[in-house]
Every structure is written in structure tokens, then in C-alpha cells.
Amino acid sequence: MATSFTTDFAIPIPAQGHSASRIRRNRPRRITPQAGHALEILGHAIEYLTDEFVHAGGEFGQENGQLEAVQLLMSLNRQVYYECPEVPTLSDRLRAMFRLPAA
């Protein structure tokens, strides 16, 4: 399956309701079947729009509706992902087991 470029664009839209300090980006998450289905649908929509943009020879600019739509979908994708609970690390589980304070 061919992949298209779906990296961040010039103006990232932050996920609603999440502060950057609260989000730990390198932590795996438990993704529910519903969230997984939503992520799959959003991923397909993002890929479709970026493919259309590339094949149409679109140009990057501040007032491009296609890019704004892709940014919105990417923001929703992040929001769904970050709403999934983090998988506790081994150290988190050991701290909980021995009732130690978090580092």
C-alpha cells in the first residue's frame, strides 16, 4: 500500500482540552476498539485528502481549505489518541505496588 505524506503542516492545531505539559508523548496507550476504529477512519480521511492535494498539485499557503481540513483531521486524530489511557510502565507499577510516591 502506498503511503502519502501526512506530517505536520506549518500551523499545527493543538488537541482540544489537553495541555502540552500533561501529555507524555512517548508513552504507549491502551486503545479501545471504538477509538481504534475512529483513528482508522481519521487516518484514511487524512490520507485521502493529502493524496488529493498532492495529485492536484496544490500549493502550501495560509488560506488553503484543503490544508485546513487536513490539519483539523490531524488535530482530531491526536485528540482521540491522547484520550486513550496510558499504559503504565514497569516503574509505575512497582511504585503502585510498594506505594511509593511518583518521581
N, C-alpha and C. Protein backbone atom coordinates (compact mmCIF):
# COMPACT_ATOMS: atom_id res chain seq x y z
N MET A 1 0.84 -1.17 0.00
CA MET A 1 0.00 0.00 0.00
C MET A 1 0.89 1.23 0.00
N ALA A 2 0.60 2.13 -0.87
CA ALA A 2 1.39 3.36 -0.96
C ALA A 2 0.99 4.30 0.16
N THR A 3 1.97 4.98 0.69
CA THR A 3 1.67 5.96 1.73
C THR A 3 1.90 7.35 1.18
N SER A 4 1.17 8.26 1.72
CA SER A 4 1.34 9.64 1.31
C SER A 4 1.97 10.41 2.46
N PHE A 5 2.36 11.65 2.20
CA PHE A 5 2.99 12.39 3.27
C PHE A 5 1.89 12.96 4.16
N THR A 6 1.96 12.61 5.43
CA THR A 6 0.97 13.08 6.39
C THR A 6 1.65 13.68 7.61
N THR A 7 2.72 14.41 7.39
CA THR A 7 3.42 15.03 8.50
C THR A 7 2.73 16.32 8.89
N ASP A 8 3.18 16.93 9.98
CA ASP A 8 2.59 18.18 10.44
C ASP A 8 2.83 19.28 9.42
N PHE A 9 1.87 20.16 9.29
CA PHE A 9 1.99 21.29 8.40
C PHE A 9 2.50 22.48 9.19
N ALA A 10 2.58 23.62 8.55
CA ALA A 10 3.19 24.79 9.15
C ALA A 10 2.51 25.25 10.43
N ILE A 11 1.19 25.12 10.51
CA ILE A 11 0.46 25.63 11.66
C ILE A 11 -0.27 24.45 12.33
N PRO A 12 0.36 23.80 13.31
CA PRO A 12 -0.32 22.69 13.96
C PRO A 12 -1.47 23.18 14.82
N ILE A 13 -2.55 22.42 14.83
CA ILE A 13 -3.71 22.76 15.65
C ILE A 13 -3.65 21.87 16.89
N PRO A 14 -3.56 22.44 18.10
CA PRO A 14 -3.45 21.60 19.29
C PRO A 14 -4.74 20.84 19.55
N ALA A 15 -4.61 19.67 20.14
CA ALA A 15 -5.78 18.89 20.51
C ALA A 15 -6.56 19.66 21.57
N GLN A 16 -7.86 19.67 21.44
CA GLN A 16 -8.70 20.42 22.36
C GLN A 16 -8.67 19.78 23.75
N GLY A 17 -8.58 20.60 24.79
CA GLY A 17 -8.70 20.12 26.15
C GLY A 17 -7.45 19.45 26.71
N HIS A 18 -6.34 19.52 26.04
CA HIS A 18 -5.12 18.89 26.52
C HIS A 18 -4.01 19.93 26.57
N SER A 19 -3.38 20.06 27.72
CA SER A 19 -2.25 20.97 27.80
C SER A 19 -0.99 20.19 27.42
N ALA A 20 -0.05 20.88 26.84
CA ALA A 20 1.18 20.24 26.38
C ALA A 20 1.95 19.63 27.54
N SER A 21 1.85 20.21 28.73
CA SER A 21 2.60 19.69 29.87
C SER A 21 2.01 18.38 30.39
N ARG A 22 0.72 18.17 30.19
CA ARG A 22 0.06 16.97 30.67
C ARG A 22 0.29 15.77 29.76
N ILE A 23 0.57 15.98 28.50
CA ILE A 23 0.70 14.90 27.53
C ILE A 23 2.13 14.38 27.52
N ARG A 24 2.28 13.10 27.79
CA ARG A 24 3.58 12.46 27.66
C ARG A 24 3.57 11.73 26.32
N ARG A 25 4.35 12.21 25.39
CA ARG A 25 4.25 11.75 24.01
C ARG A 25 4.82 10.36 23.76
N ASN A 26 5.78 9.93 24.54
CA ASN A 26 6.43 8.66 24.25
C ASN A 26 5.85 7.50 25.05
N ARG A 27 4.65 7.63 25.54
CA ARG A 27 4.02 6.57 26.31
C ARG A 27 3.01 5.84 25.44
N PRO A 28 3.08 4.51 25.42
CA PRO A 28 2.05 3.77 24.67
C PRO A 28 0.70 3.92 25.36
N ARG A 29 -0.35 3.72 24.61
CA ARG A 29 -1.69 3.89 25.13
C ARG A 29 -2.54 2.66 24.86
N ARG A 30 -3.51 2.43 25.74
CA ARG A 30 -4.49 1.35 25.52
C ARG A 30 -5.59 1.93 24.66
N ILE A 31 -5.66 1.44 23.45
CA ILE A 31 -6.64 1.98 22.50
C ILE A 31 -7.84 1.05 22.48
N THR A 32 -9.00 1.60 22.81
CA THR A 32 -10.23 0.82 22.81
C THR A 32 -10.63 0.51 21.37
N PRO A 33 -11.47 -0.48 21.17
CA PRO A 33 -11.92 -0.77 19.80
C PRO A 33 -12.61 0.44 19.15
N GLN A 34 -13.38 1.20 19.92
CA GLN A 34 -14.05 2.37 19.36
C GLN A 34 -13.03 3.44 18.95
N ALA A 35 -12.05 3.68 19.81
CA ALA A 35 -11.01 4.67 19.48
C ALA A 35 -10.18 4.19 18.30
N GLY A 36 -9.90 2.89 18.26
CA GLY A 36 -9.15 2.34 17.14
C GLY A 36 -9.88 2.52 15.82
N HIS A 37 -11.19 2.30 15.86
CA HIS A 37 -12.00 2.49 14.65
C HIS A 37 -12.00 3.96 14.22
N ALA A 38 -12.14 4.87 15.21
CA ALA A 38 -12.11 6.31 14.90
C ALA A 38 -10.75 6.71 14.33
N LEU A 39 -9.66 6.19 14.91
CA LEU A 39 -8.31 6.50 14.41
C LEU A 39 -8.13 5.98 12.98
N GLU A 40 -8.67 4.80 12.72
CA GLU A 40 -8.57 4.23 11.37
C GLU A 40 -9.31 5.09 10.36
N ILE A 41 -10.52 5.50 10.68
CA ILE A 41 -11.32 6.33 9.78
C ILE A 41 -10.64 7.69 9.56
N LEU A 42 -10.18 8.30 10.66
CA LEU A 42 -9.49 9.60 10.52
C LEU A 42 -8.22 9.46 9.69
N GLY A 43 -7.47 8.38 9.90
CA GLY A 43 -6.26 8.15 9.13
C GLY A 43 -6.55 8.02 7.64
N HIS A 44 -7.61 7.30 7.31
CA HIS A 44 -7.98 7.16 5.89
C HIS A 44 -8.40 8.51 5.30
N ALA A 45 -9.14 9.29 6.07
CA ALA A 45 -9.57 10.60 5.58
C ALA A 45 -8.38 11.53 5.37
N ILE A 46 -7.43 11.51 6.30
CA ILE A 46 -6.22 12.33 6.18
C ILE A 46 -5.43 11.91 4.94
N GLU A 47 -5.27 10.60 4.78
CA GLU A 47 -4.52 10.10 3.62
C GLU A 47 -5.21 10.47 2.31
N TYR A 48 -6.54 10.34 2.27
CA TYR A 48 -7.29 10.68 1.06
C TYR A 48 -7.11 12.14 0.70
N LEU A 49 -7.27 13.02 1.69
CA LEU A 49 -7.15 14.46 1.40
C LEU A 49 -5.74 14.85 1.00
N THR A 50 -4.74 14.27 1.64
CA THR A 50 -3.36 14.62 1.25
C THR A 50 -3.03 14.07 -0.13
N ASP A 51 -3.53 12.88 -0.45
CA ASP A 51 -3.32 12.35 -1.81
C ASP A 51 -3.96 13.25 -2.85
N GLU A 52 -5.20 13.69 -2.58
CA GLU A 52 -5.87 14.60 -3.50
C GLU A 52 -5.10 15.90 -3.65
N PHE A 53 -4.58 16.41 -2.54
CA PHE A 53 -3.81 17.66 -2.57
C PHE A 53 -2.55 17.51 -3.42
N VAL A 54 -1.84 16.40 -3.23
CA VAL A 54 -0.59 16.16 -3.98
C VAL A 54 -0.89 15.95 -5.46
N HIS A 55 -1.89 15.14 -5.76
CA HIS A 55 -2.20 14.85 -7.17
C HIS A 55 -2.75 16.08 -7.91
N ALA A 56 -3.39 16.98 -7.18
CA ALA A 56 -3.89 18.20 -7.80
C ALA A 56 -2.80 19.26 -7.93
N GLY A 57 -1.63 18.98 -7.39
CA GLY A 57 -0.54 19.95 -7.47
C GLY A 57 -0.78 21.16 -6.59
N GLY A 58 -1.41 20.94 -5.45
CA GLY A 58 -1.71 22.05 -4.54
C GLY A 58 -0.46 22.70 -4.00
N GLU A 59 -0.61 23.95 -3.62
CA GLU A 59 0.50 24.70 -3.06
C GLU A 59 0.21 25.05 -1.61
N PHE A 60 1.27 25.08 -0.80
CA PHE A 60 1.12 25.44 0.60
C PHE A 60 0.88 26.94 0.70
N GLY A 61 -0.08 27.29 1.52
CA GLY A 61 -0.38 28.69 1.74
C GLY A 61 -1.23 28.83 2.97
N GLN A 62 -1.38 30.05 3.44
CA GLN A 62 -2.15 30.29 4.65
C GLN A 62 -3.64 30.07 4.44
N GLU A 63 -4.15 30.33 3.27
CA GLU A 63 -5.59 30.27 3.03
C GLU A 63 -5.95 29.09 2.11
N ASN A 64 -5.53 27.90 2.47
CA ASN A 64 -5.85 26.73 1.67
C ASN A 64 -6.81 25.85 2.46
N GLY A 65 -8.03 25.72 1.95
CA GLY A 65 -9.07 24.97 2.64
C GLY A 65 -8.73 23.50 2.81
N GLN A 66 -8.07 22.92 1.79
CA GLN A 66 -7.69 21.51 1.89
C GLN A 66 -6.71 21.28 3.03
N LEU A 67 -5.72 22.15 3.15
CA LEU A 67 -4.75 22.01 4.23
C LEU A 67 -5.39 22.24 5.59
N GLU A 68 -6.31 23.18 5.67
CA GLU A 68 -7.01 23.41 6.92
C GLU A 68 -7.83 22.19 7.31
N ALA A 69 -8.45 21.53 6.34
CA ALA A 69 -9.22 20.31 6.61
C ALA A 69 -8.31 19.20 7.11
N VAL A 70 -7.14 19.06 6.49
CA VAL A 70 -6.19 18.03 6.92
C VAL A 70 -5.70 18.33 8.34
N GLN A 71 -5.41 19.60 8.62
CA GLN A 71 -4.97 19.98 9.96
C GLN A 71 -6.05 19.69 11.00
N LEU A 72 -7.29 19.97 10.66
CA LEU A 72 -8.39 19.70 11.56
C LEU A 72 -8.50 18.19 11.84
N LEU A 73 -8.43 17.39 10.79
CA LEU A 73 -8.50 15.93 10.96
C LEU A 73 -7.32 15.42 11.78
N MET A 74 -6.13 15.97 11.56
CA MET A 74 -4.97 15.55 12.33
C MET A 74 -5.13 15.94 13.80
N SER A 75 -5.72 17.08 14.07
CA SER A 75 -5.98 17.50 15.44
C SER A 75 -6.97 16.56 16.11
N LEU A 76 -8.02 16.19 15.39
CA LEU A 76 -8.99 15.25 15.94
C LEU A 76 -8.35 13.88 16.18
N ASN A 77 -7.45 13.48 15.28
CA ASN A 77 -6.74 12.21 15.42
C ASN A 77 -5.92 12.22 16.71
N ARG A 78 -5.18 13.30 16.95
CA ARG A 78 -4.39 13.42 18.18
C ARG A 78 -5.29 13.43 19.40
N GLN A 79 -6.42 14.13 19.31
CA GLN A 79 -7.33 14.22 20.44
C GLN A 79 -7.87 12.84 20.81
N VAL A 80 -8.28 12.04 19.83
CA VAL A 80 -8.78 10.69 20.10
C VAL A 80 -7.67 9.85 20.72
N TYR A 81 -6.46 9.93 20.17
CA TYR A 81 -5.34 9.13 20.68
C TYR A 81 -4.99 9.50 22.11
N TYR A 82 -4.89 10.80 22.41
CA TYR A 82 -4.48 11.24 23.74
C TYR A 82 -5.57 11.05 24.79
N GLU A 83 -6.80 10.81 24.37
CA GLU A 83 -7.86 10.50 25.32
C GLU A 83 -7.79 9.04 25.78
N CYS A 84 -7.05 8.22 25.07
CA CYS A 84 -6.87 6.82 25.48
C CYS A 84 -5.93 6.78 26.68
N PRO A 85 -6.19 5.88 27.64
CA PRO A 85 -5.34 5.83 28.84
C PRO A 85 -3.93 5.33 28.52
N GLU A 86 -2.96 5.88 29.23
CA GLU A 86 -1.57 5.45 29.05
C GLU A 86 -1.37 4.07 29.66
N VAL A 87 -0.50 3.29 29.05
CA VAL A 87 -0.12 2.00 29.62
C VAL A 87 0.92 2.29 30.70
N PRO A 88 0.69 1.82 31.93
CA PRO A 88 1.66 2.10 32.99
C PRO A 88 2.99 1.39 32.72
N THR A 89 4.08 2.08 32.99
CA THR A 89 5.40 1.47 32.82
C THR A 89 5.68 0.54 33.99
N LEU A 90 6.75 -0.21 33.88
CA LEU A 90 7.15 -1.11 34.96
C LEU A 90 7.40 -0.31 36.24
N SER A 91 8.07 0.82 36.11
CA SER A 91 8.36 1.63 37.30
C SER A 91 7.06 2.16 37.92
N ASP A 92 6.07 2.53 37.09
CA ASP A 92 4.78 2.97 37.62
C ASP A 92 4.11 1.85 38.40
N ARG A 93 4.16 0.65 37.85
CA ARG A 93 3.53 -0.50 38.52
C ARG A 93 4.24 -0.84 39.82
N LEU A 94 5.58 -0.76 39.82
CA LEU A 94 6.33 -1.05 41.05
C LEU A 94 6.05 0.00 42.12
N ARG A 95 5.99 1.28 41.71
CA ARG A 95 5.66 2.34 42.67
C ARG A 95 4.28 2.11 43.28
N ALA A 96 3.33 1.72 42.45
CA ALA A 96 1.98 1.47 42.96
C ALA A 96 1.97 0.27 43.90
N MET A 97 2.72 -0.76 43.55
CA MET A 97 2.74 -1.96 44.36
C MET A 97 3.35 -1.68 45.74
N PHE A 98 4.40 -0.89 45.78
CA PHE A 98 5.07 -0.58 47.04
C PHE A 98 4.60 0.75 47.64
N ARG A 99 3.60 1.36 47.02
CA ARG A 99 3.01 2.63 47.48
C ARG A 99 4.06 3.71 47.66
N LEU A 100 4.92 3.85 46.67
CA LEU A 100 5.95 4.89 46.69
C LEU A 100 5.43 6.11 45.95
N PRO A 101 5.90 7.30 46.31
CA PRO A 101 5.46 8.49 45.60
C PRO A 101 6.04 8.52 44.18
N ALA A 102 5.30 9.16 43.28
CA ALA A 102 5.76 9.27 41.89
C ALA A 102 7.01 10.15 41.82
N ALA A 103 7.90 9.81 40.89
CA ALA A 103 9.15 10.57 40.75
C ALA A 103 8.93 11.83 39.98
